[in-house]
């Protein structure tokens, strides 16, 4: 890995049948793949890991995490909560960003609740969020957002912020382990 690269785990946080997370998540992954400073690991909670590494090992290896999350009943999916809560130390001092989607709220209520969860795990969340309101109408049949410029700008802002936090916190963890 290049010195200026950071390892980004992107979690697809829905396992429902007919889920839209793959459309939103795959779009975000395509955006991130365009960058030279990101090394990606896509974690789809609905699909078993093909290389034998478990969630804990993959989050431990990451420098930053982006959670692609829908809003279900004004919150986030239960399976995502189980996945997050199955780990503890692996989250510490790792910046977390969000790509959210939903109806009128664009998934932002789910994000606000996830910020509380990650704060308890000592994982700082970044302010920038990519949010798709009325997501099913916001994407074309090609899997691209209809307002491509605004979506790309939001993704760039999120990835730029993580590009600052991820190496800074990686160096901090290397220099002094995060206190228990």
C-alpha atoms as a PDB file:
ATOM      1  CA  UNK A   1       0.000   0.000   0.000  1.00  0.00           C
ATOM      2  CA  UNK A   2       1.279   3.457  -0.879  1.00  0.00           C
ATOM      3  CA  UNK A   3       2.150   5.754   2.033  1.00  0.00           C
ATOM      4  CA  UNK A   4      -0.661   8.174   1.205  1.00  0.00           C
ATOM      5  CA  UNK A   5      -3.323   5.504   0.741  1.00  0.00           C
ATOM      6  CA  UNK A   6      -5.836   4.540   3.376  1.00  0.00           C
ATOM      7  CA  UNK A   7      -7.731   1.281   3.713  1.00  0.00           C
ATOM      8  CA  UNK A   8     -11.475   1.943   3.478  1.00  0.00           C
ATOM      9  CA  UNK A   9     -14.040  -0.671   4.442  1.00  0.00           C
ATOM     10  CA  UNK A  10     -17.439   0.004   2.877  1.00  0.00           C
ATOM     11  CA  UNK A  11     -20.254  -1.835   4.641  1.00  0.00           C
ATOM     12  CA  UNK A  12     -23.528  -2.519   2.826  1.00  0.00           C
ATOM     13  CA  UNK A  13     -25.820  -2.303   5.854  1.00  0.00           C
ATOM     14  CA  UNK A  14     -29.020  -3.995   4.672  1.00  0.00           C
ATOM     15  CA  UNK A  15     -29.805  -7.669   4.165  1.00  0.00           C
ATOM     16  CA  UNK A  16     -33.473  -7.388   3.153  1.00  0.00           C
ATOM     17  CA  UNK A  17     -34.681  -9.146   0.046  1.00  0.00           C
ATOM     18  CA  UNK A  18     -35.180  -6.608  -2.737  1.00  0.00           C
ATOM     19  CA  UNK A  19     -32.830  -4.212  -0.964  1.00  0.00           C
ATOM     20  CA  UNK A  20     -31.653  -1.013  -2.630  1.00  0.00           C
ATOM     21  CA  UNK A  21     -28.334  -0.903  -0.768  1.00  0.00           C
ATOM     22  CA  UNK A  22     -26.502  -2.538  -3.659  1.00  0.00           C
ATOM     23  CA  UNK A  23     -27.518   0.252  -6.061  1.00  0.00           C
ATOM     24  CA  UNK A  24     -26.439   2.997  -3.656  1.00  0.00           C
ATOM     25  CA  UNK A  25     -23.393   1.139  -2.349  1.00  0.00           C
ATOM     26  CA  UNK A  26     -22.056   0.080  -5.726  1.00  0.00           C
ATOM     27  CA  UNK A  27     -22.365   3.667  -6.959  1.00  0.00           C
ATOM     28  CA  UNK A  28     -20.328   4.872  -3.963  1.00  0.00           C
ATOM     29  CA  UNK A  29     -17.726   2.135  -4.478  1.00  0.00           C
ATOM     30  CA  UNK A  30     -17.330   3.208  -8.117  1.00  0.00           C
ATOM     31  CA  UNK A  31     -16.721   6.779  -6.918  1.00  0.00           C
ATOM     32  CA  UNK A  32     -14.132   5.630  -4.375  1.00  0.00           C
ATOM     33  CA  UNK A  33     -12.365   3.411  -6.930  1.00  0.00           C
ATOM     34  CA  UNK A  34     -11.515   6.509  -8.966  1.00  0.00           C
ATOM     35  CA  UNK A  35      -9.223   7.743  -6.224  1.00  0.00           C
ATOM     36  CA  UNK A  36      -5.549   6.879  -5.865  1.00  0.00           C
ATOM     37  CA  UNK A  37      -5.593   7.326  -2.091  1.00  0.00           C
ATOM     38  CA  UNK A  38      -8.172   4.615  -1.302  1.00  0.00           C
ATOM     39  CA  UNK A  39      -7.719   0.855  -1.022  1.00  0.00           C
ATOM     40  CA  UNK A  40     -11.219  -0.651  -0.801  1.00  0.00           C
ATOM     41  CA  UNK A  41     -12.708  -3.594   1.039  1.00  0.00           C
ATOM     42  CA  UNK A  42     -16.441  -3.987   0.349  1.00  0.00           C
ATOM     43  CA  UNK A  43     -18.309  -5.814   3.112  1.00  0.00           C
ATOM     44  CA  UNK A  44     -21.830  -6.886   2.187  1.00  0.00           C
ATOM     45  CA  UNK A  45     -23.636  -8.140   5.294  1.00  0.00           C
ATOM     46  CA  UNK A  46     -25.952 -10.227   3.091  1.00  0.00           C
ATOM     47  CA  UNK A  47     -23.136 -12.165   1.451  1.00  0.00           C
ATOM     48  CA  UNK A  48     -20.630 -14.457   3.106  1.00  0.00           C
ATOM     49  CA  UNK A  49     -17.027 -13.331   2.857  1.00  0.00           C
ATOM     50  CA  UNK A  50     -15.251 -15.074   0.005  1.00  0.00           C
ATOM     51  CA  UNK A  51     -11.696 -14.869   1.311  1.00  0.00           C
ATOM     52  CA  UNK A  52     -12.321 -16.393   4.740  1.00  0.00           C
ATOM     53  CA  UNK A  53     -11.693 -13.229   6.735  1.00  0.00           C
ATOM     54  CA  UNK A  54     -14.327 -12.389   9.273  1.00  0.00           C
ATOM     55  CA  UNK A  55     -15.856  -8.997   9.935  1.00  0.00           C
ATOM     56  CA  UNK A  56     -13.580  -8.358  12.898  1.00  0.00           C
ATOM     57  CA  UNK A  57     -10.424  -8.979  10.907  1.00  0.00           C
ATOM     58  CA  UNK A  58     -11.631  -6.771   8.070  1.00  0.00           C
ATOM     59  CA  UNK A  59     -12.574  -3.853  10.340  1.00  0.00           C
ATOM     60  CA  UNK A  60      -9.301  -4.272  12.248  1.00  0.00           C
ATOM     61  CA  UNK A  61      -7.396  -3.934   8.941  1.00  0.00           C
ATOM     62  CA  UNK A  62      -9.336  -0.828   7.870  1.00  0.00           C
ATOM     63  CA  UNK A  63      -8.164   2.730   8.473  1.00  0.00           C
ATOM     64  CA  UNK A  64     -11.690   4.092   7.950  1.00  0.00           C
ATOM     65  CA  UNK A  65     -15.212   2.796   7.420  1.00  0.00           C
ATOM     66  CA  UNK A  66     -18.160   4.005   5.364  1.00  0.00           C
ATOM     67  CA  UNK A  67     -21.548   2.547   6.232  1.00  0.00           C
ATOM     68  CA  UNK A  68     -24.102   2.515   3.422  1.00  0.00           C
ATOM     69  CA  UNK A  69     -27.336   2.560   5.387  1.00  0.00           C
ATOM     70  CA  UNK A  70     -31.049   2.723   4.652  1.00  0.00           C
ATOM     71  CA  UNK A  71     -33.558   4.174   7.026  1.00  0.00           C
ATOM     72  CA  UNK A  72     -35.994   1.529   8.249  1.00  0.00           C
ATOM     73  CA  UNK A  73     -38.793   2.759  10.531  1.00  0.00           C
ATOM     74  CA  UNK A  74     -36.887   5.957  11.446  1.00  0.00           C
ATOM     75  CA  UNK A  75     -33.772   3.954  12.354  1.00  0.00           C
ATOM     76  CA  UNK A  76     -31.158   1.630  10.896  1.00  0.00           C
ATOM     77  CA  UNK A  77     -31.419  -2.121  10.205  1.00  0.00           C
ATOM     78  CA  UNK A  78     -31.166  -4.539  13.107  1.00  0.00           C
ATOM     79  CA  UNK A  79     -28.666  -6.738  11.271  1.00  0.00           C
ATOM     80  CA  UNK A  80     -26.343  -3.761  11.018  1.00  0.00           C
ATOM     81  CA  UNK A  81     -26.609  -3.190  14.772  1.00  0.00           C
ATOM     82  CA  UNK A  82     -25.763  -6.840  15.419  1.00  0.00           C
ATOM     83  CA  UNK A  83     -22.726  -6.599  13.125  1.00  0.00           C
ATOM     84  CA  UNK A  84     -21.508  -3.397  14.795  1.00  0.00           C
ATOM     85  CA  UNK A  85     -22.081  -4.739  18.305  1.00  0.00           C
ATOM     86  CA  UNK A  86     -20.281  -8.011  17.539  1.00  0.00           C
ATOM     87  CA  UNK A  87     -17.018  -6.031  17.639  1.00  0.00           C
ATOM     88  CA  UNK A  88     -15.560  -3.540  20.064  1.00  0.00           C
ATOM     89  CA  UNK A  89     -11.828  -2.884  19.977  1.00  0.00           C
ATOM     90  CA  UNK A  90     -11.724  -3.073  16.168  1.00  0.00           C
ATOM     91  CA  UNK A  91     -13.751   0.163  15.898  1.00  0.00           C
ATOM     92  CA  UNK A  92     -11.649   2.269  18.272  1.00  0.00           C
ATOM     93  CA  UNK A  93     -10.106   5.395  16.774  1.00  0.00           C
ATOM     94  CA  UNK A  94     -11.341   4.565  13.253  1.00  0.00           C
ATOM     95  CA  UNK A  95     -13.196   7.352  11.449  1.00  0.00           C
ATOM     96  CA  UNK A  96     -16.646   6.427  10.179  1.00  0.00           C
ATOM     97  CA  UNK A  97     -18.605   8.063   7.367  1.00  0.00           C
ATOM     98  CA  UNK A  98     -22.085   7.440   6.026  1.00  0.00           C
ATOM     99  CA  UNK A  99     -23.904   7.091   2.743  1.00  0.00           C
ATOM    100  CA  UNK A 100     -27.596   7.051   3.594  1.00  0.00           C
ATOM    101  CA  UNK A 101     -30.809   6.693   1.710  1.00  0.00           C
ATOM    102  CA  UNK A 102     -34.507   6.496   2.290  1.00  0.00           C
ATOM    103  CA  UNK A 103     -37.718   8.371   1.705  1.00  0.00           C
ATOM    104  CA  UNK A 104     -38.173  12.002   2.652  1.00  0.00           C
ATOM    105  CA  UNK A 105     -35.544  11.806   5.393  1.00  0.00           C
ATOM    106  CA  UNK A 106     -32.864  10.395   3.088  1.00  0.00           C
ATOM    107  CA  UNK A 107     -31.695   8.040   5.820  1.00  0.00           C
ATOM    108  CA  UNK A 108     -30.461  10.870   8.009  1.00  0.00           C
ATOM    109  CA  UNK A 109     -32.390   9.655  11.074  1.00  0.00           C
ATOM    110  CA  UNK A 110     -30.524   6.352  10.782  1.00  0.00           C
ATOM    111  CA  UNK A 111     -27.221   8.238  10.542  1.00  0.00           C
ATOM    112  CA  UNK A 112     -27.935  10.315  13.645  1.00  0.00           C
ATOM    113  CA  UNK A 113     -28.613   7.167  15.658  1.00  0.00           C
ATOM    114  CA  UNK A 114     -25.511   5.473  14.298  1.00  0.00           C
ATOM    115  CA  UNK A 115     -23.412   8.448  15.410  1.00  0.00           C
ATOM    116  CA  UNK A 116     -24.432   7.669  19.016  1.00  0.00           C
ATOM    117  CA  UNK A 117     -23.533   4.002  18.609  1.00  0.00           C
ATOM    118  CA  UNK A 118     -20.105   4.765  17.134  1.00  0.00           C
ATOM    119  CA  UNK A 119     -19.399   7.400  19.785  1.00  0.00           C
ATOM    120  CA  UNK A 120     -19.847   4.695  22.419  1.00  0.00           C
ATOM    121  CA  UNK A 121     -17.344   2.551  20.503  1.00  0.00           C
ATOM    122  CA  UNK A 122     -14.809   5.436  20.394  1.00  0.00           C
ATOM    123  CA  UNK A 123     -15.079   5.673  16.608  1.00  0.00           C
ATOM    124  CA  UNK A 124     -15.320   9.327  15.499  1.00  0.00           C
ATOM    125  CA  UNK A 125     -17.839  10.044  12.770  1.00  0.00           C
ATOM    126  CA  UNK A 126     -17.249  12.655  10.113  1.00  0.00           C
ATOM    127  CA  UNK A 127     -19.733  15.433   9.492  1.00  0.00           C
ATOM    128  CA  UNK A 128     -19.989  14.989   5.721  1.00  0.00           C
ATOM    129  CA  UNK A 129     -22.736  12.568   4.638  1.00  0.00           C
ATOM    130  CA  UNK A 130     -23.919  11.437   1.235  1.00  0.00           C
ATOM    131  CA  UNK A 131     -27.710  11.288   1.489  1.00  0.00           C
ATOM    132  CA  UNK A 132     -30.307  10.279  -1.075  1.00  0.00           C
ATOM    133  CA  UNK A 133     -33.850  11.446  -0.423  1.00  0.00           C
ATOM    134  CA  UNK A 134     -36.540   9.432  -2.187  1.00  0.00           C
ATOM    135  CA  UNK A 135     -33.681   7.207  -3.270  1.00  0.00           C
ATOM    136  CA  UNK A 136     -35.667   4.927  -5.565  1.00  0.00           C
ATOM    137  CA  UNK A 137     -36.507   7.941  -7.718  1.00  0.00           C
ATOM    138  CA  UNK A 138     -33.021   9.474  -7.382  1.00  0.00           C
ATOM    139  CA  UNK A 139     -31.240   6.785  -9.430  1.00  0.00           C
ATOM    140  CA  UNK A 140     -31.587   5.994 -13.104  1.00  0.00           C
ATOM    141  CA  UNK A 141     -31.796   2.484 -14.559  1.00  0.00           C
ATOM    142  CA  UNK A 142     -28.022   2.591 -15.090  1.00  0.00           C
ATOM    143  CA  UNK A 143     -27.428   2.743 -11.322  1.00  0.00           C
ATOM    144  CA  UNK A 144     -26.244   6.339 -11.462  1.00  0.00           C
ATOM    145  CA  UNK A 145     -27.827   9.223  -9.540  1.00  0.00           C
ATOM    146  CA  UNK A 146     -29.954  11.534 -11.643  1.00  0.00           C
ATOM    147  CA  UNK A 147     -28.327  14.527  -9.940  1.00  0.00           C
ATOM    148  CA  UNK A 148     -24.875  13.154 -10.681  1.00  0.00           C
ATOM    149  CA  UNK A 149     -22.922  16.345  -9.943  1.00  0.00           C
ATOM    150  CA  UNK A 150     -24.406  16.897  -6.483  1.00  0.00           C
ATOM    151  CA  UNK A 151     -23.944  13.232  -5.574  1.00  0.00           C
ATOM    152  CA  UNK A 152     -20.346  13.220  -6.827  1.00  0.00           C
ATOM    153  CA  UNK A 153     -19.578  16.413  -4.887  1.00  0.00           C
ATOM    154  CA  UNK A 154     -20.979  14.904  -1.692  1.00  0.00           C
ATOM    155  CA  UNK A 155     -18.991  11.679  -2.176  1.00  0.00           C
ATOM    156  CA  UNK A 156     -15.813  13.648  -2.842  1.00  0.00           C
ATOM    157  CA  UNK A 157     -16.324  15.728   0.310  1.00  0.00           C
ATOM    158  CA  UNK A 158     -16.806  12.575   2.397  1.00  0.00           C
ATOM    159  CA  UNK A 159     -13.791  10.805   0.903  1.00  0.00           C
ATOM    160  CA  UNK A 160     -11.620  13.932   1.255  1.00  0.00           C
ATOM    161  CA  UNK A 161     -12.495  14.209   4.941  1.00  0.00           C
ATOM    162  CA  UNK A 162     -11.734  10.515   5.501  1.00  0.00           C
ATOM    163  CA  UNK A 163      -8.454  10.964   3.600  1.00  0.00           C
ATOM    164  CA  UNK A 164      -7.393  13.369   6.350  1.00  0.00           C
ATOM    165  CA  UNK A 165      -8.724  11.441   9.349  1.00  0.00           C
ATOM    166  CA  UNK A 166      -7.739   7.904   8.349  1.00  0.00           C
ATOM    167  CA  UNK A 167      -3.941   8.370   8.064  1.00  0.00           C
ATOM    168  CA  UNK A 168      -3.866  10.722  11.060  1.00  0.00           C
ATOM    169  CA  UNK A 169      -5.608   8.214  13.315  1.00  0.00           C
ATOM    170  CA  UNK A 170      -3.605   5.303  11.873  1.00  0.00           C
ATOM    171  CA  UNK A 171      -0.380   7.111  12.843  1.00  0.00           C
ATOM    172  CA  UNK A 172      -1.818   7.853  16.285  1.00  0.00           C
ATOM    173  CA  UNK A 173      -2.737   4.171  16.816  1.00  0.00           C
ATOM    174  CA  UNK A 174       0.732   3.124  15.650  1.00  0.00           C
ATOM    175  CA  UNK A 175       2.474   5.584  17.979  1.00  0.00           C
ATOM    176  CA  UNK A 176       0.373   4.848  21.032  1.00  0.00           C
ATOM    177  CA  UNK A 177      -2.249   2.118  21.280  1.00  0.00           C
ATOM    178  CA  UNK A 178      -5.724   3.447  21.995  1.00  0.00           C
ATOM    179  CA  UNK A 179      -6.368   3.174  25.754  1.00  0.00           C
ATOM    180  CA  UNK A 180      -8.710   0.435  26.897  1.00  0.00           C
END
